[in-house]
Amino acid sequence: MAFKGGQEDIIHLVANFNTTIKWADSCYRFWAFTTSNAGSRYFQAYTDLQDLDKIDWEAVNTHYWQDCSENKQAEFLMQTNFPWHLFEEIGVFSEKQKKWVQAILDAYPNCLQPTITIHREWYY
């Protein structure tokens, strides 16, 4: 059965690309980016920033992705895990979601508290 719950419960964890790579390199943590969904049967992965032009940026930035679903799903991957301290922002759909995420963060007062921002334009 296909999911029909909408996107409101999806949150976007945002990190600075250059800061993340600098941190990963300093810790000898492997990272890569793909030109499509890394969970698919076929994808290409790169570890050289000069290969960023291989990503279909038009597909990544489109809101209508029926014709480019594979290319829209380009990913950045990091070995083992993605450290919480690298996240700078959490993008949410609505004020309701912002309050929900803030309540979760409030339960961990000693942890990094990224900015929570409503970004309706990130949803379609």
PDB file of N, CA and C in Angstrom:
ATOM      1  N   MET A   1       0.848  -1.171   0.000  1.00  0.00           N
ATOM      2  CA  MET A   1       0.000   0.000   0.000  1.00  0.00           C
ATOM      3  C   MET A   1       0.902   1.245   0.000  1.00  0.00           C
ATOM      4  N   ALA A   2       0.547   2.215  -0.794  1.00  0.00           N
ATOM      5  CA  ALA A   2       1.325   3.454  -0.889  1.00  0.00           C
ATOM      6  C   ALA A   2       1.041   4.361   0.305  1.00  0.00           C
ATOM      7  N   PHE A   3       2.060   5.078   0.740  1.00  0.00           N
ATOM      8  CA  PHE A   3       1.916   6.036   1.835  1.00  0.00           C
ATOM      9  C   PHE A   3       1.079   7.210   1.374  1.00  0.00           C
ATOM     10  N   LYS A   4       0.106   7.618   2.189  1.00  0.00           N
ATOM     11  CA  LYS A   4      -0.766   8.735   1.837  1.00  0.00           C
ATOM     12  C   LYS A   4      -0.883   9.726   2.984  1.00  0.00           C
ATOM     13  N   GLY A   5       0.129   9.783   3.840  1.00  0.00           N
ATOM     14  CA  GLY A   5       0.073  10.612   5.028  1.00  0.00           C
ATOM     15  C   GLY A   5       0.522  12.047   4.839  1.00  0.00           C
ATOM     16  N   GLY A   6       0.985  12.398   3.666  1.00  0.00           N
ATOM     17  CA  GLY A   6       1.446  13.759   3.448  1.00  0.00           C
ATOM     18  C   GLY A   6       2.869  13.965   3.958  1.00  0.00           C
ATOM     19  N   GLN A   7       3.347  15.190   3.845  1.00  0.00           N
ATOM     20  CA  GLN A   7       4.731  15.488   4.187  1.00  0.00           C
ATOM     21  C   GLN A   7       4.898  16.244   5.490  1.00  0.00           C
ATOM     22  N   GLU A   8       3.830  16.618   6.157  1.00  0.00           N
ATOM     23  CA  GLU A   8       3.946  17.482   7.328  1.00  0.00           C
ATOM     24  C   GLU A   8       4.846  16.907   8.418  1.00  0.00           C
ATOM     25  N   ASP A   9       4.897  15.606   8.552  1.00  0.00           N
ATOM     26  CA  ASP A   9       5.714  15.003   9.612  1.00  0.00           C
ATOM     27  C   ASP A   9       7.185  14.839   9.226  1.00  0.00           C
ATOM     28  N   ILE A  10       7.537  15.178   8.012  1.00  0.00           N
ATOM     29  CA  ILE A  10       8.939  15.089   7.583  1.00  0.00           C
ATOM     30  C   ILE A  10       9.675  16.326   8.077  1.00  0.00           C
ATOM     31  N   ILE A  11      10.838  16.113   8.684  1.00  0.00           N
ATOM     32  CA  ILE A  11      11.692  17.237   9.069  1.00  0.00           C
ATOM     33  C   ILE A  11      12.974  17.160   8.244  1.00  0.00           C
ATOM     34  N   HIS A  12      13.583  18.296   8.011  1.00  0.00           N
ATOM     35  CA  HIS A  12      14.823  18.373   7.240  1.00  0.00           C
ATOM     36  C   HIS A  12      15.945  18.793   8.177  1.00  0.00           C
ATOM     37  N   LEU A  13      16.949  17.950   8.309  1.00  0.00           N
ATOM     38  CA  LEU A  13      18.115  18.260   9.125  1.00  0.00           C
ATOM     39  C   LEU A  13      19.161  18.875   8.198  1.00  0.00           C
ATOM     40  N   VAL A  14      19.581  20.101   8.504  1.00  0.00           N
ATOM     41  CA  VAL A  14      20.430  20.878   7.605  1.00  0.00           C
ATOM     42  C   VAL A  14      21.826  21.050   8.214  1.00  0.00           C
ATOM     43  N   ALA A  15      22.830  20.730   7.403  1.00  0.00           N
ATOM     44  CA  ALA A  15      24.224  20.933   7.796  1.00  0.00           C
ATOM     45  C   ALA A  15      24.933  21.670   6.667  1.00  0.00           C
ATOM     46  N   ASN A  16      25.961  22.405   7.003  1.00  0.00           N
ATOM     47  CA  ASN A  16      26.755  23.100   6.002  1.00  0.00           C
ATOM     48  C   ASN A  16      27.656  22.086   5.308  1.00  0.00           C
ATOM     49  N   PHE A  17      27.579  22.033   4.005  1.00  0.00           N
ATOM     50  CA  PHE A  17      28.314  21.049   3.210  1.00  0.00           C
ATOM     51  C   PHE A  17      29.819  21.154   3.435  1.00  0.00           C
ATOM     52  N   ASN A  18      30.363  22.356   3.324  1.00  0.00           N
ATOM     53  CA  ASN A  18      31.812  22.534   3.465  1.00  0.00           C
ATOM     54  C   ASN A  18      32.301  22.252   4.885  1.00  0.00           C
ATOM     55  N   THR A  19      31.545  22.703   5.879  1.00  0.00           N
ATOM     56  CA  THR A  19      31.906  22.429   7.271  1.00  0.00           C
ATOM     57  C   THR A  19      31.894  20.931   7.549  1.00  0.00           C
ATOM     58  N   THR A  20      30.897  20.257   7.015  1.00  0.00           N
ATOM     59  CA  THR A  20      30.768  18.816   7.214  1.00  0.00           C
ATOM     60  C   THR A  20      31.951  18.068   6.606  1.00  0.00           C
ATOM     61  N   ILE A  21      32.310  18.416   5.387  1.00  0.00           N
ATOM     62  CA  ILE A  21      33.429  17.741   4.733  1.00  0.00           C
ATOM     63  C   ILE A  21      34.735  18.032   5.457  1.00  0.00           C
ATOM     64  N   LYS A  22      34.925  19.267   5.885  1.00  0.00           N
ATOM     65  CA  LYS A  22      36.137  19.620   6.624  1.00  0.00           C
ATOM     66  C   LYS A  22      36.233  18.792   7.904  1.00  0.00           C
ATOM     67  N   TRP A  23      35.121  18.679   8.639  1.00  0.00           N
ATOM     68  CA  TRP A  23      35.114  17.880   9.863  1.00  0.00           C
ATOM     69  C   TRP A  23      35.412  16.416   9.545  1.00  0.00           C
ATOM     70  N   ALA A  24      34.732  15.869   8.539  1.00  0.00           N
ATOM     71  CA  ALA A  24      34.925  14.457   8.193  1.00  0.00           C
ATOM     72  C   ALA A  24      36.373  14.179   7.802  1.00  0.00           C
ATOM     73  N   ASP A  25      36.941  15.047   6.995  1.00  0.00           N
ATOM     74  CA  ASP A  25      38.334  14.859   6.584  1.00  0.00           C
ATOM     75  C   ASP A  25      39.283  14.936   7.775  1.00  0.00           C
ATOM     76  N   SER A  26      39.005  15.841   8.712  1.00  0.00           N
ATOM     77  CA  SER A  26      39.893  15.982   9.885  1.00  0.00           C
ATOM     78  C   SER A  26      39.830  14.751  10.789  1.00  0.00           C
ATOM     79  N   CYS A  27      38.729  14.013  10.723  1.00  0.00           N
ATOM     80  CA  CYS A  27      38.555  12.810  11.551  1.00  0.00           C
ATOM     81  C   CYS A  27      38.775  11.523  10.751  1.00  0.00           C
ATOM     82  N   TYR A  28      39.218  11.675   9.522  1.00  0.00           N
ATOM     83  CA  TYR A  28      39.416  10.528   8.634  1.00  0.00           C
ATOM     84  C   TYR A  28      38.132   9.718   8.476  1.00  0.00           C
ATOM     85  N   ARG A  29      37.024  10.442   8.416  1.00  0.00           N
ATOM     86  CA  ARG A  29      35.708   9.809   8.242  1.00  0.00           C
ATOM     87  C   ARG A  29      35.365   9.836   6.754  1.00  0.00           C
ATOM     88  N   PHE A  30      35.095   8.682   6.177  1.00  0.00           N
ATOM     89  CA  PHE A  30      34.768   8.570   4.768  1.00  0.00           C
ATOM     90  C   PHE A  30      33.426   9.232   4.484  1.00  0.00           C
ATOM     91  N   TRP A  31      33.350   9.968   3.390  1.00  0.00           N
ATOM     92  CA  TRP A  31      32.112  10.576   2.922  1.00  0.00           C
ATOM     93  C   TRP A  31      32.050  10.429   1.406  1.00  0.00           C
ATOM     94  N   ALA A  32      30.848  10.525   0.874  1.00  0.00           N
ATOM     95  CA  ALA A  32      30.655  10.461  -0.574  1.00  0.00           C
ATOM     96  C   ALA A  32      29.327  11.111  -0.906  1.00  0.00           C
ATOM     97  N   PHE A  33      29.163  11.465  -2.164  1.00  0.00           N
ATOM     98  CA  PHE A  33      27.864  11.904  -2.633  1.00  0.00           C
ATOM     99  C   PHE A  33      27.493  11.063  -3.842  1.00  0.00           C
ATOM    100  N   THR A  34      26.204  10.903  -4.048  1.00  0.00           N
ATOM    101  CA  THR A  34      25.719  10.081  -5.143  1.00  0.00           C
ATOM    102  C   THR A  34      24.918  10.937  -6.125  1.00  0.00           C
ATOM    103  N   THR A  35      24.762  10.406  -7.316  1.00  0.00           N
ATOM    104  CA  THR A  35      23.977  11.111  -8.332  1.00  0.00           C
ATOM    105  C   THR A  35      22.514  10.678  -8.314  1.00  0.00           C
ATOM    106  N   SER A  36      22.195   9.682  -7.510  1.00  0.00           N
ATOM    107  CA  SER A  36      20.813   9.225  -7.359  1.00  0.00           C
ATOM    108  C   SER A  36      20.683   8.526  -6.015  1.00  0.00           C
ATOM    109  N   ASN A  37      19.565   7.891  -5.777  1.00  0.00           N
ATOM    110  CA  ASN A  37      19.293   7.223  -4.512  1.00  0.00           C
ATOM    111  C   ASN A  37      20.307   6.109  -4.262  1.00  0.00           C
ATOM    112  N   ALA A  38      21.019   6.186  -3.149  1.00  0.00           N
ATOM    113  CA  ALA A  38      22.038   5.186  -2.826  1.00  0.00           C
ATOM    114  C   ALA A  38      21.428   3.835  -2.466  1.00  0.00           C
ATOM    115  N   GLY A  39      20.137   3.785  -2.255  1.00  0.00           N
ATOM    116  CA  GLY A  39      19.471   2.522  -1.960  1.00  0.00           C
ATOM    117  C   GLY A  39      18.992   1.804  -3.208  1.00  0.00           C
ATOM    118  N   SER A  40      19.183   2.415  -4.352  1.00  0.00           N
ATOM    119  CA  SER A  40      18.739   1.788  -5.595  1.00  0.00           C
ATOM    120  C   SER A  40      19.757   0.741  -6.053  1.00  0.00           C
ATOM    121  N   ARG A  41      19.385   0.002  -7.056  1.00  0.00           N
ATOM    122  CA  ARG A  41      20.284  -1.029  -7.576  1.00  0.00           C
ATOM    123  C   ARG A  41      21.509  -0.429  -8.233  1.00  0.00           C
ATOM    124  N   TYR A  42      21.364   0.723  -8.818  1.00  0.00           N
ATOM    125  CA  TYR A  42      22.472   1.332  -9.541  1.00  0.00           C
ATOM    126  C   TYR A  42      22.587   2.807  -9.153  1.00  0.00           C
ATOM    127  N   PHE A  43      23.753   3.211  -8.719  1.00  0.00           N
ATOM    128  CA  PHE A  43      24.027   4.616  -8.461  1.00  0.00           C
ATOM    129  C   PHE A  43      25.520   4.835  -8.615  1.00  0.00           C
ATOM    130  N   GLN A  44      25.897   6.073  -8.813  1.00  0.00           N
ATOM    131  CA  GLN A  44      27.307   6.426  -8.902  1.00  0.00           C
ATOM    132  C   GLN A  44      27.658   7.258  -7.676  1.00  0.00           C
ATOM    133  N   ALA A  45      28.783   6.923  -7.047  1.00  0.00           N
ATOM    134  CA  ALA A  45      29.237   7.655  -5.864  1.00  0.00           C
ATOM    135  C   ALA A  45      30.566   8.330  -6.174  1.00  0.00           C
ATOM    136  N   TYR A  46      30.752   9.508  -5.580  1.00  0.00           N
ATOM    137  CA  TYR A  46      31.958  10.294  -5.813  1.00  0.00           C
ATOM    138  C   TYR A  46      32.489  10.826  -4.483  1.00  0.00           C
ATOM    139  N   THR A  47      33.796  11.017  -4.427  1.00  0.00           N
ATOM    140  CA  THR A  47      34.432  11.568  -3.234  1.00  0.00           C
ATOM    141  C   THR A  47      35.301  12.776  -3.568  1.00  0.00           C
ATOM    142  N   ASP A  48      35.187  13.266  -4.765  1.00  0.00           N
ATOM    143  CA  ASP A  48      35.957  14.426  -5.201  1.00  0.00           C
ATOM    144  C   ASP A  48      34.985  15.573  -5.475  1.00  0.00           C
ATOM    145  N   LEU A  49      35.176  16.693  -4.810  1.00  0.00           N
ATOM    146  CA  LEU A  49      34.260  17.828  -4.979  1.00  0.00           C
ATOM    147  C   LEU A  49      34.217  18.341  -6.420  1.00  0.00           C
ATOM    148  N   GLN A  50      35.242  18.054  -7.197  1.00  0.00           N
ATOM    149  CA  GLN A  50      35.228  18.469  -8.593  1.00  0.00           C
ATOM    150  C   GLN A  50      34.186  17.697  -9.401  1.00  0.00           C
ATOM    151  N   ASP A  51      33.641  16.642  -8.827  1.00  0.00           N
ATOM    152  CA  ASP A  51      32.611  15.853  -9.502  1.00  0.00           C
ATOM    153  C   ASP A  51      31.190  16.302  -9.165  1.00  0.00           C
ATOM    154  N   LEU A  52      31.050  17.374  -8.404  1.00  0.00           N
ATOM    155  CA  LEU A  52      29.704  17.863  -8.068  1.00  0.00           C
ATOM    156  C   LEU A  52      28.882  18.208  -9.303  1.00  0.00           C
ATOM    157  N   ASP A  53      29.549  18.518 -10.399  1.00  0.00           N
ATOM    158  CA  ASP A  53      28.825  18.838 -11.626  1.00  0.00           C
ATOM    159  C   ASP A  53      28.127  17.616 -12.219  1.00  0.00           C
ATOM    160  N   LYS A  54      28.413  16.430 -11.718  1.00  0.00           N
ATOM    161  CA  LYS A  54      27.753  15.213 -12.193  1.00  0.00           C
ATOM    162  C   LYS A  54      26.341  15.065 -11.611  1.00  0.00           C
ATOM    163  N   ILE A  55      26.053  15.828 -10.568  1.00  0.00           N
ATOM    164  CA  ILE A  55      24.696  15.834 -10.004  1.00  0.00           C
ATOM    165  C   ILE A  55      23.788  16.636 -10.912  1.00  0.00           C
ATOM    166  N   ASP A  56      22.600  16.139 -11.135  1.00  0.00           N
ATOM    167  CA  ASP A  56      21.592  16.842 -11.933  1.00  0.00           C
ATOM    168  C   ASP A  56      20.906  17.857 -11.011  1.00  0.00           C
ATOM    169  N   TRP A  57      21.484  19.048 -10.911  1.00  0.00           N
ATOM    170  CA  TRP A  57      20.995  20.059  -9.976  1.00  0.00           C
ATOM    171  C   TRP A  57      19.594  20.540 -10.332  1.00  0.00           C
ATOM    172  N   GLU A  58      19.233  20.529 -11.597  1.00  0.00           N
ATOM    173  CA  GLU A  58      17.875  20.912 -11.991  1.00  0.00           C
ATOM    174  C   GLU A  58      16.866  19.929 -11.393  1.00  0.00           C
ATOM    175  N   ALA A  59      17.182  18.647 -11.458  1.00  0.00           N
ATOM    176  CA  ALA A  59      16.304  17.626 -10.872  1.00  0.00           C
ATOM    177  C   ALA A  59      16.248  17.770  -9.350  1.00  0.00           C
ATOM    178  N   VAL A  60      17.384  17.999  -8.712  1.00  0.00           N
ATOM    179  CA  VAL A  60      17.434  18.142  -7.258  1.00  0.00           C
ATOM    180  C   VAL A  60      16.545  19.300  -6.808  1.00  0.00           C
ATOM    181  N   ASN A  61      16.530  20.377  -7.554  1.00  0.00           N
ATOM    182  CA  ASN A  61      15.805  21.585  -7.151  1.00  0.00           C
ATOM    183  C   ASN A  61      14.358  21.655  -7.608  1.00  0.00           C
ATOM    184  N   THR A  62      13.909  20.701  -8.398  1.00  0.00           N
ATOM    185  CA  THR A  62      12.533  20.762  -8.886  1.00  0.00           C
ATOM    186  C   THR A  62      11.535  20.278  -7.837  1.00  0.00           C
ATOM    187  N   HIS A  63      10.325  20.791  -7.903  1.00  0.00           N
ATOM    188  CA  HIS A  63       9.237  20.297  -7.051  1.00  0.00           C
ATOM    189  C   HIS A  63       8.432  19.228  -7.768  1.00  0.00           C
ATOM    190  N   TYR A  64       8.606  19.111  -9.058  1.00  0.00           N
ATOM    191  CA  TYR A  64       7.848  18.157  -9.871  1.00  0.00           C
ATOM    192  C   TYR A  64       8.829  17.112 -10.389  1.00  0.00           C
ATOM    193  N   TRP A  65       8.837  15.964  -9.763  1.00  0.00           N
ATOM    194  CA  TRP A  65       9.902  15.021 -10.056  1.00  0.00           C
ATOM    195  C   TRP A  65       9.461  13.681 -10.607  1.00  0.00           C
ATOM    196  N   GLN A  66       8.309  13.654 -11.249  1.00  0.00           N
ATOM    197  CA  GLN A  66       7.867  12.411 -11.881  1.00  0.00           C
ATOM    198  C   GLN A  66       8.853  11.947 -12.949  1.00  0.00           C
ATOM    199  N   ASP A  67       9.397  12.881 -13.701  1.00  0.00           N
ATOM    200  CA  ASP A  67      10.282  12.524 -14.808  1.00  0.00           C
ATOM    201  C   ASP A  67      11.751  12.442 -14.406  1.00  0.00           C
ATOM    202  N   CYS A  68      12.078  12.783 -13.165  1.00  0.00           N
ATOM    203  CA  CYS A  68      13.493  12.798 -12.771  1.00  0.00           C
ATOM    204  C   CYS A  68      13.693  12.236 -11.368  1.00  0.00           C
ATOM    205  N   SER A  69      12.849  11.301 -10.962  1.00  0.00           N
ATOM    206  CA  SER A  69      12.869  10.839  -9.571  1.00  0.00           C
ATOM    207  C   SER A  69      14.217  10.267  -9.144  1.00  0.00           C
ATOM    208  N   GLU A  70      14.897   9.552 -10.008  1.00  0.00           N
ATOM    209  CA  GLU A  70      16.203   9.000  -9.639  1.00  0.00           C
ATOM    210  C   GLU A  70      17.210  10.116  -9.369  1.00  0.00           C
ATOM    211  N   ASN A  71      17.292  11.079 -10.265  1.00  0.00           N
ATOM    212  CA  ASN A  71      18.284  12.146 -10.123  1.00  0.00           C
ATOM    213  C   ASN A  71      17.951  13.107  -8.994  1.00  0.00           C
ATOM    214  N   LYS A  72      16.677  13.256  -8.669  1.00  0.00           N
ATOM    215  CA  LYS A  72      16.292  14.142  -7.574  1.00  0.00           C
ATOM    216  C   LYS A  72      16.806  13.609  -6.245  1.00  0.00           C
ATOM    217  N   GLN A  73      17.003  12.320  -6.166  1.00  0.00           N
ATOM    218  CA  GLN A  73      17.370  11.673  -4.918  1.00  0.00           C
ATOM    219  C   GLN A  73      18.885  11.561  -4.710  1.00  0.00           C
ATOM    220  N   ALA A  74      19.641  12.487  -5.264  1.00  0.00           N
ATOM    221  CA  ALA A  74      21.087  12.525  -5.005  1.00  0.00           C
ATOM    222  C   ALA A  74      21.282  12.658  -3.496  1.00  0.00           C
ATOM    223  N   GLU A  75      22.319  12.028  -2.970  1.00  0.00           N
ATOM    224  CA  GLU A  75      22.519  11.984  -1.527  1.00  0.00           C
ATOM    225  C   GLU A  75      23.956  12.311  -1.132  1.00  0.00           C
ATOM    226  N   PHE A  76      24.105  12.784   0.099  1.00  0.00           N
ATOM    227  CA  PHE A  76      25.412  12.909   0.737  1.00  0.00           C
ATOM    228  C   PHE A  76      25.453  11.863   1.835  1.00  0.00           C
ATOM    229  N   LEU A  77      26.487  11.057   1.854  1.00  0.00           N
ATOM    230  CA  LEU A  77      26.599   9.956   2.796  1.00  0.00           C
ATOM    231  C   LEU A  77      27.864  10.095   3.629  1.00  0.00           C
ATOM    232  N   MET A  78      27.777   9.675   4.881  1.00  0.00           N
ATOM    233  CA  MET A  78      28.953   9.689   5.744  1.00  0.00           C
ATOM    234  C   MET A  78      29.063   8.339   6.445  1.00  0.00           C
ATOM    235  N   GLN A  79      30.285   7.850   6.523  1.00  0.00           N
ATOM    236  CA  GLN A  79      30.561   6.569   7.156  1.00  0.00           C
ATOM    237  C   GLN A  79      30.119   6.575   8.621  1.00  0.00           C
ATOM    238  N   THR A  80      29.548   5.501   9.065  1.00  0.00           N
ATOM    239  CA  THR A  80      29.133   5.223  10.435  1.00  0.00           C
ATOM    240  C   THR A  80      27.887   5.990  10.853  1.00  0.00           C
ATOM    241  N   ASN A  81      27.971   7.316  10.953  1.00  0.00           N
ATOM    242  CA  ASN A  81      26.819   8.125  11.351  1.00  0.00           C
ATOM    243  C   ASN A  81      27.091   9.581  10.976  1.00  0.00           C
ATOM    244  N   PHE A  82      26.094  10.408  11.154  1.00  0.00           N
ATOM    245  CA  PHE A  82      26.234  11.840  10.903  1.00  0.00           C
ATOM    246  C   PHE A  82      26.113  12.531  12.254  1.00  0.00           C
ATOM    247  N   PRO A  83      27.194  13.101  12.763  1.00  0.00           N
ATOM    248  CA  PRO A  83      27.189  13.662  14.118  1.00  0.00           C
ATOM    249  C   PRO A  83      26.185  14.816  14.290  1.00  0.00           C
ATOM    250  N   TRP A  84      25.481  14.766  15.386  1.00  0.00           N
ATOM    251  CA  TRP A  84      24.462  15.767  15.695  1.00  0.00           C
ATOM    252  C   TRP A  84      25.029  17.185  15.697  1.00  0.00           C
ATOM    253  N   HIS A  85      26.250  17.364  16.172  1.00  0.00           N
ATOM    254  CA  HIS A  85      26.803  18.719  16.306  1.00  0.00           C
ATOM    255  C   HIS A  85      26.998  19.425  14.960  1.00  0.00           C
ATOM    256  N   LEU A  86      26.917  18.704  13.861  1.00  0.00           N
ATOM    257  CA  LEU A  86      27.061  19.332  12.544  1.00  0.00           C
ATOM    258  C   LEU A  86      25.760  19.939  12.023  1.00  0.00           C
ATOM    259  N   PHE A  87      24.641  19.584  12.623  1.00  0.00           N
ATOM    260  CA  PHE A  87      23.362  20.137  12.160  1.00  0.00           C
ATOM    261  C   PHE A  87      23.198  21.574  12.650  1.00  0.00           C
ATOM    262  N   GLU A  88      22.884  22.459  11.736  1.00  0.00           N
ATOM    263  CA  GLU A  88      22.731  23.883  12.043  1.00  0.00           C
ATOM    264  C   GLU A  88      21.277  24.334  12.061  1.00  0.00           C
ATOM    265  N   GLU A  89      20.426  23.589  11.406  1.00  0.00           N
ATOM    266  CA  GLU A  89      19.029  24.003  11.278  1.00  0.00           C
ATOM    267  C   GLU A  89      18.156  22.771  11.120  1.00  0.00           C
ATOM    268  N   ILE A  90      16.918  22.905  11.555  1.00  0.00           N
ATOM    269  CA  ILE A  90      15.898  21.891  11.311  1.00  0.00           C
ATOM    270  C   ILE A  90      14.760  22.594  10.580  1.00  0.00           C
ATOM    271  N   GLY A  91      14.489  22.144   9.379  1.00  0.00           N
ATOM    272  CA  GLY A  91      13.404  22.712   8.586  1.00  0.00           C
ATOM    273  C   GLY A  91      12.131  21.919   8.795  1.00  0.00           C
ATOM    274  N   VAL A  92      11.033  22.631   9.033  1.00  0.00           N
ATOM    275  CA  VAL A  92       9.741  21.989   9.286  1.00  0.00           C
ATOM    276  C   VAL A  92       8.664  22.614   8.406  1.00  0.00           C
ATOM    277  N   PHE A  93       7.538  21.936   8.338  1.00  0.00           N
ATOM    278  CA  PHE A  93       6.428  22.340   7.491  1.00  0.00           C
ATOM    279  C   PHE A  93       5.560  23.444   8.096  1.00  0.00           C
ATOM    280  N   SER A  94       5.358  23.404   9.406  1.00  0.00           N
ATOM    281  CA  SER A  94       4.360  24.291  10.006  1.00  0.00           C
ATOM    282  C   SER A  94       4.737  24.673  11.438  1.00  0.00           C
ATOM    283  N   GLU A  95       3.989  25.603  11.975  1.00  0.00           N
ATOM    284  CA  GLU A  95       4.174  26.003  13.379  1.00  0.00           C
ATOM    285  C   GLU A  95       3.922  24.818  14.309  1.00  0.00           C
ATOM    286  N   LYS A  96       2.945  23.989  13.974  1.00  0.00           N
ATOM    287  CA  LYS A  96       2.661  22.782  14.766  1.00  0.00           C
ATOM    288  C   LYS A  96       3.889  21.882  14.820  1.00  0.00           C
ATOM    289  N   GLN A  97       4.544  21.657  13.677  1.00  0.00           N
ATOM    290  CA  GLN A  97       5.736  20.815  13.634  1.00  0.00           C
ATOM    291  C   GLN A  97       6.899  21.483  14.362  1.00  0.00           C
ATOM    292  N   LYS A  98       6.993  22.802  14.265  1.00  0.00           N
ATOM    293  CA  LYS A  98       8.055  23.529  14.950  1.00  0.00           C
ATOM    294  C   LYS A  98       7.934  23.318  16.461  1.00  0.00           C
ATOM    295  N   LYS A  99       6.723  23.429  17.000  1.00  0.00           N
ATOM    296  CA  LYS A  99       6.503  23.214  18.433  1.00  0.00           C
ATOM    297  C   LYS A  99       6.809  21.777  18.832  1.00  0.00           C
ATOM    298  N   TRP A 100       6.442  20.837  17.979  1.00  0.00           N
ATOM    299  CA  TRP A 100       6.693  19.416  18.242  1.00  0.00           C
ATOM    300  C   TRP A 100       8.198  19.145  18.311  1.00  0.00           C
ATOM    301  N   VAL A 101       8.960  19.663  17.329  1.00  0.00           N
ATOM    302  CA  VAL A 101      10.407  19.465  17.318  1.00  0.00           C
ATOM    303  C   VAL A 101      11.052  20.185  18.503  1.00  0.00           C
ATOM    304  N   GLN A 102      10.588  21.387  18.829  1.00  0.00           N
ATOM    305  CA  GLN A 102      11.148  22.122  19.962  1.00  0.00           C
ATOM    306  C   GLN A 102      10.931  21.363  21.263  1.00  0.00           C
ATOM    307  N   ALA A 103       9.785  20.744  21.417  1.00  0.00           N
ATOM    308  CA  ALA A 103       9.516  19.955  22.629  1.00  0.00           C
ATOM    309  C   ALA A 103      10.489  18.782  22.747  1.00  0.00           C
ATOM    310  N   ILE A 104      10.806  18.164  21.624  1.00  0.00           N
ATOM    311  CA  ILE A 104      11.776  17.063  21.639  1.00  0.00           C
ATOM    312  C   ILE A 104      13.148  17.592  22.044  1.00  0.00           C
ATOM    313  N   LEU A 105      13.576  18.700  21.443  1.00  0.00           N
ATOM    314  CA  LEU A 105      14.884  19.273  21.772  1.00  0.00           C
ATOM    315  C   LEU A 105      14.947  19.737  23.221  1.00  0.00           C
ATOM    316  N   ASP A 106      13.848  20.269  23.735  1.00  0.00           N
ATOM    317  CA  ASP A 106      13.809  20.737  25.119  1.00  0.00           C
ATOM    318  C   ASP A 106      14.062  19.607  26.115  1.00  0.00           C
ATOM    319  N   ALA A 107      13.779  18.387  25.711  1.00  0.00           N
ATOM    320  CA  ALA A 107      14.013  17.238  26.583  1.00  0.00           C
ATOM    321  C   ALA A 107      15.507  16.934  26.720  1.00  0.00           C
ATOM    322  N   TYR A 108      16.325  17.569  25.884  1.00  0.00           N
ATOM    323  CA  TYR A 108      17.779  17.357  25.899  1.00  0.00           C
ATOM    324  C   TYR A 108      18.485  18.713  25.984  1.00  0.00           C
ATOM    325  N   PRO A 109      18.373  19.399  27.120  1.00  0.00           N
ATOM    326  CA  PRO A 109      18.889  20.768  27.226  1.00  0.00           C
ATOM    327  C   PRO A 109      20.401  20.889  27.089  1.00  0.00           C
ATOM    328  N   ASN A 110      21.132  19.831  27.305  1.00  0.00           N
ATOM    329  CA  ASN A 110      22.595  19.897  27.207  1.00  0.00           C
ATOM    330  C   ASN A 110      23.114  19.582  25.813  1.00  0.00           C
ATOM    331  N   CYS A 111      22.221  19.303  24.882  1.00  0.00           N
ATOM    332  CA  CYS A 111      22.619  19.008  23.503  1.00  0.00           C
ATOM    333  C   CYS A 111      22.490  20.254  22.638  1.00  0.00           C
ATOM    334  N   LEU A 112      23.171  20.207  21.520  1.00  0.00           N
ATOM    335  CA  LEU A 112      23.071  21.270  20.528  1.00  0.00           C
ATOM    336  C   LEU A 112      21.608  21.528  20.181  1.00  0.00           C
ATOM    337  N   GLN A 113      21.251  22.781  20.078  1.00  0.00           N
ATOM    338  CA  GLN A 113      19.872  23.166  19.760  1.00  0.00           C
ATOM    339  C   GLN A 113      19.863  23.912  18.424  1.00  0.00           C
ATOM    340  N   PRO A 114      19.770  23.189  17.315  1.00  0.00           N
ATOM    341  CA  PRO A 114      19.733  23.870  16.021  1.00  0.00           C
ATOM    342  C   PRO A 114      18.515  24.783  15.909  1.00  0.00           C
ATOM    343  N   THR A 115      18.630  25.779  15.070  1.00  0.00           N
ATOM    344  CA  THR A 115      17.504  26.662  14.787  1.00  0.00           C
ATOM    345  C   THR A 115      16.407  25.855  14.094  1.00  0.00           C
ATOM    346  N   ILE A 116      15.170  26.068  14.493  1.00  0.00           N
ATOM    347  CA  ILE A 116      14.034  25.411  13.841  1.00  0.00           C
ATOM    348  C   ILE A 116      13.323  26.470  13.010  1.00  0.00           C
ATOM    349  N   THR A 117      13.195  26.196  11.716  1.00  0.00           N
ATOM    350  CA  THR A 117      12.639  27.186  10.798  1.00  0.00           C
ATOM    351  C   THR A 117      11.538  26.555   9.959  1.00  0.00           C
ATOM    352  N   ILE A 118      10.456  27.288   9.790  1.00  0.00           N
ATOM    353  CA  ILE A 118       9.382  26.834   8.905  1.00  0.00           C
ATOM    354  C   ILE A 118       9.809  27.130   7.471  1.00  0.00           C
ATOM    355  N   HIS A 119       9.808  26.084   6.651  1.00  0.00           N
ATOM    356  CA  HIS A 119      10.185  26.196   5.235  1.00  0.00           C
ATOM    357  C   HIS A 119       9.113  25.507   4.395  1.00  0.00           C
ATOM    358  N   ARG A 120       7.969  26.088   4.267  1.00  0.00           N
ATOM    359  CA  ARG A 120       6.904  25.465   3.478  1.00  0.00           C
ATOM    360  C   ARG A 120       7.327  25.245   2.040  1.00  0.00           C
ATOM    361  N   GLU A 121       8.243  26.083   1.549  1.00  0.00           N
ATOM    362  CA  GLU A 121       8.686  25.959   0.152  1.00  0.00           C
ATOM    363  C   GLU A 121       9.499  24.673  -0.083  1.00  0.00           C
ATOM    364  N   TRP A 122       9.919  24.017   0.981  1.00  0.00           N
ATOM    365  CA  TRP A 122      10.655  22.772   0.844  1.00  0.00           C
ATOM    366  C   TRP A 122       9.712  21.584   0.666  1.00  0.00           C
ATOM    367  N   TYR A 123       8.433  21.824   0.797  1.00  0.00           N
ATOM    368  CA  TYR A 123       7.432  20.763   0.721  1.00  0.00           C
ATOM    369  C   TYR A 123       6.577  20.974  -0.525  1.00  0.00           C
ATOM    370  N   TYR A 124       6.023  19.895  -1.029  1.00  0.00           N
ATOM    371  CA  TYR A 124       5.200  20.001  -2.240  1.00  0.00           C
ATOM    372  C   TYR A 124       4.078  19.018  -2.212  1.00  0.00           C
TER     373      TYR A 124
END
